[in-house]
N, C-alpha and C. Protein backbone atom coordinates (compact mmCIF):
# COMPACT_ATOMS: atom_id res chain seq x y z
N MET A 1 32.35 24.07 -19.02
CA MET A 1 31.91 25.17 -19.75
C MET A 1 30.81 25.72 -18.70
N ARG A 2 30.57 26.91 -18.59
CA ARG A 2 29.42 27.49 -17.62
C ARG A 2 28.34 27.91 -18.70
N TYR A 3 27.09 27.84 -18.18
CA TYR A 3 26.10 28.48 -19.07
C TYR A 3 25.52 29.52 -18.38
N PRO A 4 25.14 30.60 -18.96
CA PRO A 4 24.56 31.92 -18.48
C PRO A 4 23.34 31.37 -17.64
N PRO A 5 22.91 31.97 -16.57
CA PRO A 5 21.71 31.60 -15.66
C PRO A 5 20.49 31.43 -16.55
N LEU A 6 20.22 32.13 -17.56
CA LEU A 6 19.13 32.21 -18.30
C LEU A 6 18.84 30.84 -19.04
N VAL A 7 19.97 30.48 -19.65
CA VAL A 7 20.01 29.38 -20.45
C VAL A 7 19.75 28.07 -19.33
N ALA A 8 20.66 28.04 -18.32
CA ALA A 8 20.41 26.94 -17.41
C ALA A 8 19.01 26.83 -16.82
N ALA A 9 18.35 27.92 -16.65
CA ALA A 9 17.01 27.95 -16.05
C ALA A 9 16.13 27.29 -17.13
N SER A 10 16.19 27.72 -18.54
CA SER A 10 15.52 27.19 -19.55
C SER A 10 15.59 25.77 -19.56
N VAL A 11 16.88 25.13 -19.49
CA VAL A 11 17.03 23.77 -19.67
C VAL A 11 16.27 23.12 -18.47
N LEU A 12 16.47 23.58 -17.45
CA LEU A 12 15.77 22.89 -16.23
C LEU A 12 14.38 22.92 -16.39
N ALA A 13 13.77 23.96 -16.72
CA ALA A 13 12.21 24.11 -16.96
C ALA A 13 11.83 23.23 -17.94
N CYS A 14 12.70 22.70 -18.88
CA CYS A 14 12.18 21.55 -19.91
C CYS A 14 12.22 20.08 -19.34
N LEU A 15 12.88 19.95 -18.27
CA LEU A 15 12.87 18.62 -17.59
C LEU A 15 11.70 18.13 -16.79
N PRO A 16 11.25 16.94 -17.01
CA PRO A 16 10.03 16.54 -16.24
C PRO A 16 10.04 16.72 -14.86
N ALA A 17 9.06 17.26 -14.30
CA ALA A 17 9.00 17.52 -12.88
C ALA A 17 8.82 16.23 -12.25
N ALA A 18 9.40 15.91 -11.15
CA ALA A 18 9.38 14.84 -10.30
C ALA A 18 7.92 14.62 -9.63
N ALA A 19 7.39 13.68 -9.46
CA ALA A 19 6.02 13.49 -8.77
C ALA A 19 6.20 13.74 -7.46
N ALA A 20 5.43 14.52 -6.90
CA ALA A 20 5.51 14.73 -5.37
C ALA A 20 5.00 13.50 -4.84
N PRO A 21 5.79 13.09 -3.72
CA PRO A 21 5.39 11.96 -3.00
C PRO A 21 4.02 11.85 -2.47
N VAL A 22 3.33 10.50 -2.57
CA VAL A 22 1.84 10.39 -1.98
C VAL A 22 2.05 9.39 -0.68
N ILE A 23 1.60 9.93 0.33
CA ILE A 23 1.67 9.00 1.61
C ILE A 23 0.43 8.37 1.83
N PHE A 24 0.27 7.19 1.83
CA PHE A 24 -1.01 6.54 1.94
C PHE A 24 -0.89 6.20 3.44
N ASP A 25 -1.92 6.55 4.17
CA ASP A 25 -1.96 6.36 5.57
C ASP A 25 -3.02 5.42 5.96
N CYS A 26 -2.82 4.22 6.08
CA CYS A 26 -3.86 3.09 6.35
C CYS A 26 -4.22 3.33 7.77
N PRO A 27 -5.63 2.94 7.97
CA PRO A 27 -6.16 3.12 9.24
C PRO A 27 -5.46 1.73 9.94
N ARG A 28 -5.18 1.96 11.24
CA ARG A 28 -4.39 1.14 11.94
C ARG A 28 -5.25 -0.10 12.57
N VAL A 29 -6.33 0.52 12.70
CA VAL A 29 -7.52 -0.64 13.31
C VAL A 29 -8.74 -0.34 12.56
N ILE A 30 -9.55 -1.31 12.35
CA ILE A 30 -10.95 -1.05 11.45
C ILE A 30 -11.82 -1.97 12.20
N ASP A 31 -13.13 -1.68 12.32
CA ASP A 31 -14.19 -2.34 13.08
C ASP A 31 -14.93 -2.97 11.78
N ILE A 32 -15.09 -4.21 11.89
CA ILE A 32 -15.92 -5.10 10.76
C ILE A 32 -17.00 -5.70 11.37
N ALA A 33 -18.31 -5.48 10.65
CA ALA A 33 -19.42 -6.20 10.97
C ALA A 33 -19.53 -7.38 10.14
N GLN A 34 -19.48 -8.39 10.82
CA GLN A 34 -19.55 -9.79 9.84
C GLN A 34 -20.98 -10.38 9.83
N THR A 35 -21.28 -10.94 8.79
CA THR A 35 -22.72 -11.45 8.49
C THR A 35 -22.23 -12.82 7.67
N THR A 36 -23.37 -13.69 7.79
CA THR A 36 -23.11 -14.99 7.03
C THR A 36 -24.51 -15.37 6.44
N ARG A 37 -24.58 -16.11 5.45
CA ARG A 37 -25.82 -16.77 5.01
C ARG A 37 -25.79 -18.24 5.18
N PRO A 38 -25.92 -18.67 6.29
CA PRO A 38 -25.84 -20.21 6.51
C PRO A 38 -27.08 -20.86 5.55
N SER A 39 -26.50 -22.05 4.98
CA SER A 39 -27.70 -22.80 4.31
C SER A 39 -28.44 -23.70 5.38
N ASP A 40 -28.06 -23.90 6.36
CA ASP A 40 -28.80 -24.40 7.39
C ASP A 40 -29.43 -23.43 8.33
N ARG A 41 -30.74 -23.30 8.29
CA ARG A 41 -31.46 -22.21 9.03
C ARG A 41 -31.38 -22.45 10.59
N SER A 42 -30.98 -23.70 10.86
CA SER A 42 -31.19 -24.13 12.36
C SER A 42 -29.95 -23.40 13.24
N TRP A 43 -29.02 -22.76 12.40
CA TRP A 43 -27.75 -22.16 13.18
C TRP A 43 -28.30 -20.65 13.41
N GLU A 44 -27.96 -20.10 14.49
CA GLU A 44 -28.06 -18.63 14.90
C GLU A 44 -26.87 -18.15 14.87
N GLN A 45 -26.79 -16.98 14.18
CA GLN A 45 -25.56 -16.02 14.37
C GLN A 45 -25.43 -15.36 15.55
N VAL A 46 -24.26 -15.62 16.22
CA VAL A 46 -24.07 -14.61 17.46
C VAL A 46 -22.67 -14.10 17.28
N ALA A 47 -22.70 -12.65 17.62
CA ALA A 47 -21.53 -11.95 17.32
C ALA A 47 -20.50 -12.32 18.75
N ASP A 48 -19.46 -12.40 18.34
CA ASP A 48 -18.31 -12.67 19.61
C ASP A 48 -17.74 -11.44 19.93
N SER A 49 -18.07 -11.04 21.19
CA SER A 49 -17.64 -9.62 21.66
C SER A 49 -16.31 -9.50 22.17
N GLU A 50 -15.72 -10.91 22.25
CA GLU A 50 -14.27 -11.05 22.61
C GLU A 50 -13.24 -10.90 21.48
N LEU A 51 -13.67 -10.86 20.45
CA LEU A 51 -12.94 -10.90 19.14
C LEU A 51 -12.42 -9.51 18.99
N PRO A 52 -11.00 -9.49 18.82
CA PRO A 52 -10.34 -8.11 18.92
C PRO A 52 -10.68 -7.53 17.56
N PRO A 53 -10.53 -6.20 17.30
CA PRO A 53 -10.81 -5.53 16.06
C PRO A 53 -9.62 -5.98 15.04
N ALA A 54 -9.85 -5.77 13.74
CA ALA A 54 -8.98 -6.12 12.78
C ALA A 54 -7.71 -5.03 12.76
N THR A 55 -6.67 -5.44 12.76
CA THR A 55 -5.52 -4.51 12.96
C THR A 55 -4.69 -4.72 11.55
N LEU A 56 -3.93 -3.52 11.11
CA LEU A 56 -3.17 -3.34 9.87
C LEU A 56 -2.14 -4.32 9.99
N THR A 57 -1.86 -5.22 8.86
CA THR A 57 -0.84 -6.24 8.91
C THR A 57 0.19 -5.78 8.00
N THR A 58 -0.29 -5.30 6.93
CA THR A 58 0.72 -4.96 5.83
C THR A 58 0.07 -4.05 4.81
N VAL A 59 0.74 -3.77 3.89
CA VAL A 59 0.22 -3.13 2.53
C VAL A 59 0.74 -3.85 1.16
N THR A 60 -0.07 -4.01 0.29
CA THR A 60 0.31 -4.65 -0.77
C THR A 60 -0.04 -3.67 -2.28
N MET A 61 0.43 -4.24 -3.31
CA MET A 61 0.18 -3.60 -4.49
C MET A 61 -0.55 -4.53 -5.49
N TYR A 62 -1.18 -3.91 -6.37
CA TYR A 62 -2.11 -4.56 -7.34
C TYR A 62 -1.75 -3.96 -8.79
N THR A 63 -1.76 -4.82 -9.76
CA THR A 63 -1.69 -4.26 -11.13
C THR A 63 -3.11 -3.74 -11.70
N GLN A 64 -4.20 -4.03 -10.99
CA GLN A 64 -5.51 -3.61 -11.34
C GLN A 64 -6.35 -3.53 -10.00
N HIS A 65 -7.48 -3.38 -10.14
CA HIS A 65 -8.38 -3.19 -8.91
C HIS A 65 -8.26 -4.56 -8.17
N PRO A 66 -8.17 -4.25 -6.85
CA PRO A 66 -7.97 -5.68 -6.03
C PRO A 66 -8.99 -6.72 -6.28
N SER A 67 -10.20 -6.29 -6.52
CA SER A 67 -11.22 -7.32 -6.73
C SER A 67 -11.10 -8.00 -8.02
N ASP A 68 -10.05 -7.58 -8.97
CA ASP A 68 -9.77 -8.52 -10.13
C ASP A 68 -8.46 -9.22 -10.01
N GLY A 69 -8.04 -9.24 -8.75
CA GLY A 69 -6.85 -10.04 -8.59
C GLY A 69 -5.61 -9.20 -9.16
N GLY A 70 -4.55 -9.97 -9.55
CA GLY A 70 -3.24 -9.06 -10.19
C GLY A 70 -2.22 -8.57 -9.00
N ASN A 71 -2.03 -9.37 -7.98
CA ASN A 71 -1.17 -8.94 -6.86
C ASN A 71 0.22 -8.58 -7.52
N LEU A 72 0.89 -7.55 -7.26
CA LEU A 72 2.03 -7.37 -7.85
C LEU A 72 3.12 -7.77 -6.75
N VAL A 73 4.12 -8.41 -7.41
CA VAL A 73 5.30 -8.93 -6.77
C VAL A 73 6.27 -7.91 -6.52
N PRO A 74 6.72 -7.76 -5.37
CA PRO A 74 7.90 -6.51 -5.09
C PRO A 74 8.98 -7.00 -5.85
N ASP A 75 9.80 -5.60 -6.35
CA ASP A 75 11.05 -5.64 -6.97
C ASP A 75 12.32 -5.85 -6.07
N GLN A 76 12.08 -5.53 -4.92
CA GLN A 76 13.26 -5.70 -3.87
C GLN A 76 12.76 -5.31 -2.51
N THR A 77 13.40 -6.06 -1.66
CA THR A 77 13.18 -6.16 -0.25
C THR A 77 14.58 -6.18 0.34
N GLY A 78 14.73 -5.25 1.47
CA GLY A 78 15.95 -5.16 2.19
C GLY A 78 15.91 -4.55 3.40
N ARG A 79 16.78 -4.93 4.36
CA ARG A 79 16.61 -4.45 5.67
C ARG A 79 17.57 -3.21 5.95
N GLN A 80 17.26 -2.32 6.81
CA GLN A 80 17.71 -1.19 6.86
C GLN A 80 17.65 -0.71 8.28
N ASP A 81 18.58 -0.91 9.23
CA ASP A 81 18.57 -0.63 10.67
C ASP A 81 17.59 -1.54 11.33
N ASP A 82 16.47 -1.00 11.84
CA ASP A 82 15.63 -1.72 12.59
C ASP A 82 14.17 -1.82 11.59
N THR A 83 14.20 -1.64 10.25
CA THR A 83 13.36 -1.70 9.37
C THR A 83 13.48 -2.50 8.35
N GLU A 84 12.43 -2.85 7.79
CA GLU A 84 12.44 -3.48 6.41
C GLU A 84 11.89 -2.74 5.43
N VAL A 85 12.46 -2.53 4.13
CA VAL A 85 11.99 -1.89 3.19
C VAL A 85 11.58 -2.63 1.87
N THR A 86 10.43 -2.50 1.38
CA THR A 86 10.02 -3.21 0.21
C THR A 86 9.58 -2.27 -0.84
N LEU A 87 10.03 -2.51 -2.03
CA LEU A 87 10.07 -1.51 -3.06
C LEU A 87 9.24 -2.19 -4.37
N TRP A 88 8.29 -1.57 -4.87
CA TRP A 88 7.67 -1.87 -6.13
C TRP A 88 7.95 -0.84 -7.03
N ARG A 89 8.61 -1.21 -8.30
CA ARG A 89 8.88 -0.31 -9.45
C ARG A 89 7.55 -0.26 -10.33
N LEU A 90 7.03 0.72 -10.76
CA LEU A 90 5.83 0.81 -11.37
C LEU A 90 6.24 1.29 -12.94
N PRO A 91 6.12 0.48 -14.04
CA PRO A 91 6.51 0.80 -15.21
C PRO A 91 5.11 1.54 -15.65
N HIS A 92 5.45 2.63 -16.61
CA HIS A 92 3.95 3.31 -16.93
C HIS A 92 2.96 2.32 -17.57
N ASP A 93 1.72 2.65 -17.26
CA ASP A 93 0.82 1.96 -17.71
C ASP A 93 -0.60 2.93 -17.83
N SER A 94 -1.40 2.74 -18.67
CA SER A 94 -2.56 3.61 -18.99
C SER A 94 -3.55 3.34 -17.84
N ALA A 95 -3.53 2.42 -17.14
CA ALA A 95 -4.57 2.12 -16.08
C ALA A 95 -3.76 2.21 -14.90
N PRO A 96 -4.40 2.69 -13.55
CA PRO A 96 -3.69 2.73 -12.40
C PRO A 96 -3.37 1.64 -11.71
N TYR A 97 -2.22 1.59 -11.06
CA TYR A 97 -1.91 0.62 -10.02
C TYR A 97 -2.83 0.75 -8.93
N TRP A 98 -2.98 -0.17 -8.06
CA TRP A 98 -3.70 0.01 -6.73
C TRP A 98 -2.96 -0.37 -5.54
N MET A 99 -3.18 0.04 -4.41
CA MET A 99 -2.64 -0.22 -3.31
C MET A 99 -3.63 -0.58 -2.21
N ALA A 100 -3.34 -1.71 -1.39
CA ALA A 100 -4.39 -1.98 -0.31
C ALA A 100 -3.81 -2.41 0.83
N CYS A 101 -4.46 -1.87 1.87
CA CYS A 101 -4.15 -2.13 3.42
C CYS A 101 -4.80 -3.46 3.68
N VAL A 102 -3.96 -4.40 4.27
CA VAL A 102 -4.32 -5.68 4.64
C VAL A 102 -4.40 -5.82 6.10
N TYR A 103 -5.52 -6.37 6.64
CA TYR A 103 -5.88 -6.58 7.89
C TYR A 103 -5.78 -8.01 8.60
N ARG A 104 -5.35 -8.15 9.81
CA ARG A 104 -5.31 -9.40 10.40
C ARG A 104 -6.90 -9.69 10.94
N GLN A 105 -7.20 -10.93 10.88
CA GLN A 105 -8.59 -11.33 11.15
C GLN A 105 -9.59 -10.69 10.41
N SER A 106 -9.22 -10.59 9.00
CA SER A 106 -10.23 -9.98 8.30
C SER A 106 -10.06 -10.32 6.98
N ARG A 107 -11.16 -10.42 5.99
CA ARG A 107 -11.07 -10.60 4.59
C ARG A 107 -11.16 -9.33 3.82
N ILE A 108 -11.30 -8.10 4.57
CA ILE A 108 -11.46 -6.71 4.05
C ILE A 108 -10.24 -6.24 3.76
N LEU A 109 -10.03 -5.51 2.51
CA LEU A 109 -9.05 -4.72 2.15
C LEU A 109 -9.57 -3.37 2.15
N LEU A 110 -8.65 -2.39 2.41
CA LEU A 110 -8.98 -0.89 2.21
C LEU A 110 -8.10 -0.45 1.03
N ALA A 111 -8.60 -0.13 -0.04
CA ALA A 111 -7.78 -0.03 -1.44
C ALA A 111 -8.10 1.28 -2.00
N ARG A 112 -6.74 1.82 -2.78
CA ARG A 112 -7.03 3.19 -3.34
C ARG A 112 -6.08 3.22 -4.74
N PRO A 113 -6.39 3.79 -5.50
CA PRO A 113 -5.56 3.85 -6.83
C PRO A 113 -4.34 4.63 -6.39
N VAL A 114 -3.25 4.33 -7.21
CA VAL A 114 -1.94 4.96 -7.11
C VAL A 114 -1.95 6.10 -8.13
N PRO A 115 -1.49 7.22 -7.87
CA PRO A 115 -1.65 8.12 -9.13
C PRO A 115 -0.82 7.64 -10.17
N LEU A 116 -1.20 8.04 -11.50
CA LEU A 116 -0.64 7.43 -12.61
C LEU A 116 0.91 7.95 -12.80
N GLU A 117 1.14 8.91 -12.18
CA GLU A 117 2.60 9.41 -12.35
C GLU A 117 3.55 8.96 -11.42
N ALA A 118 2.98 8.14 -10.70
CA ALA A 118 3.94 7.42 -9.52
C ALA A 118 4.71 6.28 -10.27
N ARG A 119 6.00 6.37 -9.90
CA ARG A 119 7.01 5.30 -10.67
C ARG A 119 7.53 4.28 -9.73
N GLN A 120 7.28 4.30 -8.47
CA GLN A 120 7.54 3.42 -7.37
C GLN A 120 6.89 3.57 -6.06
N CYS A 121 6.54 2.51 -5.37
CA CYS A 121 5.99 2.66 -4.04
C CYS A 121 6.98 1.83 -3.13
N ARG A 122 6.99 2.57 -1.92
CA ARG A 122 7.84 1.97 -1.03
C ARG A 122 7.26 1.65 0.55
N LEU A 123 7.20 0.31 1.01
CA LEU A 123 6.66 -0.06 2.15
C LEU A 123 7.68 -0.27 3.27
N THR A 124 7.55 0.50 4.40
CA THR A 124 8.44 0.49 5.52
C THR A 124 7.84 -0.15 6.74
N THR A 125 8.48 -1.28 7.19
CA THR A 125 7.90 -1.93 8.30
C THR A 125 9.15 -2.15 9.41
N THR A 126 8.48 -2.22 10.50
CA THR A 126 9.57 -2.45 11.83
C THR A 126 10.13 -3.98 11.44
N LEU A 127 11.11 -4.45 11.85
CA LEU A 127 11.56 -5.80 11.81
C LEU A 127 10.71 -6.59 12.81
N PRO A 128 10.35 -7.65 12.11
CA PRO A 128 9.52 -8.63 13.17
C PRO A 128 10.21 -8.87 14.42
N ALA A 129 9.54 -8.74 15.52
CA ALA A 129 10.11 -9.27 16.83
C ALA A 129 9.33 -10.53 17.02
N PRO A 130 8.80 -10.78 18.08
CA PRO A 130 7.94 -12.17 17.97
C PRO A 130 6.82 -12.16 17.28
N GLN A 131 6.20 -11.04 16.94
CA GLN A 131 5.12 -10.88 15.90
C GLN A 131 5.42 -10.19 14.77
N ALA A 132 4.55 -10.15 13.66
CA ALA A 132 4.84 -9.55 12.37
C ALA A 132 5.09 -8.17 12.72
N GLY A 133 6.08 -7.66 11.90
CA GLY A 133 6.40 -6.24 12.04
C GLY A 133 5.22 -5.21 11.79
N GLU A 134 5.44 -3.98 12.27
CA GLU A 134 4.35 -3.07 12.18
C GLU A 134 4.76 -1.97 11.07
N VAL A 135 3.64 -1.70 10.35
CA VAL A 135 3.67 -0.65 9.05
C VAL A 135 4.22 0.72 9.62
N VAL A 136 5.26 1.16 9.17
CA VAL A 136 5.76 2.55 9.47
C VAL A 136 5.28 3.61 8.42
N SER A 137 5.52 3.14 7.22
CA SER A 137 4.95 4.18 6.04
C SER A 137 4.77 3.23 4.88
N PHE A 138 3.75 3.95 3.92
CA PHE A 138 3.83 3.45 2.50
C PHE A 138 3.67 4.71 1.67
N VAL A 139 4.77 5.00 0.78
CA VAL A 139 4.86 6.19 -0.06
C VAL A 139 5.09 5.77 -1.47
N CYS A 140 4.25 6.47 -2.20
CA CYS A 140 4.63 6.29 -3.79
C CYS A 140 4.98 7.62 -4.21
N GLU A 141 5.84 7.40 -5.27
CA GLU A 141 6.51 8.62 -5.86
C GLU A 141 7.00 8.64 -7.20
């Protein structure tokens, strides 16, 4: 059965709009200024100029602000050609989920809330060669 164009357009207008994909582009390298509070004042803090900058390792998801913990376990991980895809499904919640960029040689995370309308997030990395894979993209939709 065919519907007149006006009826079909009205039905389509009533369907919920799909959320536009949100691309999170983590900085690949971050400079970190480290400090310490030694309990023994006889130690002198010296910066190691040979230490490389912190580089992006992966992206992870949290059920709440990362400072409160709540690391979210992925729902699915699979290989596709030369990449690995990790998927988190996000059931509706009144509080936002959070994503965080994780860096090698750092205890610093760069974090942002995920839009409330997002229903899944997908991390794509290159397959590991001798070293850990490189982040290709992190998209929530």
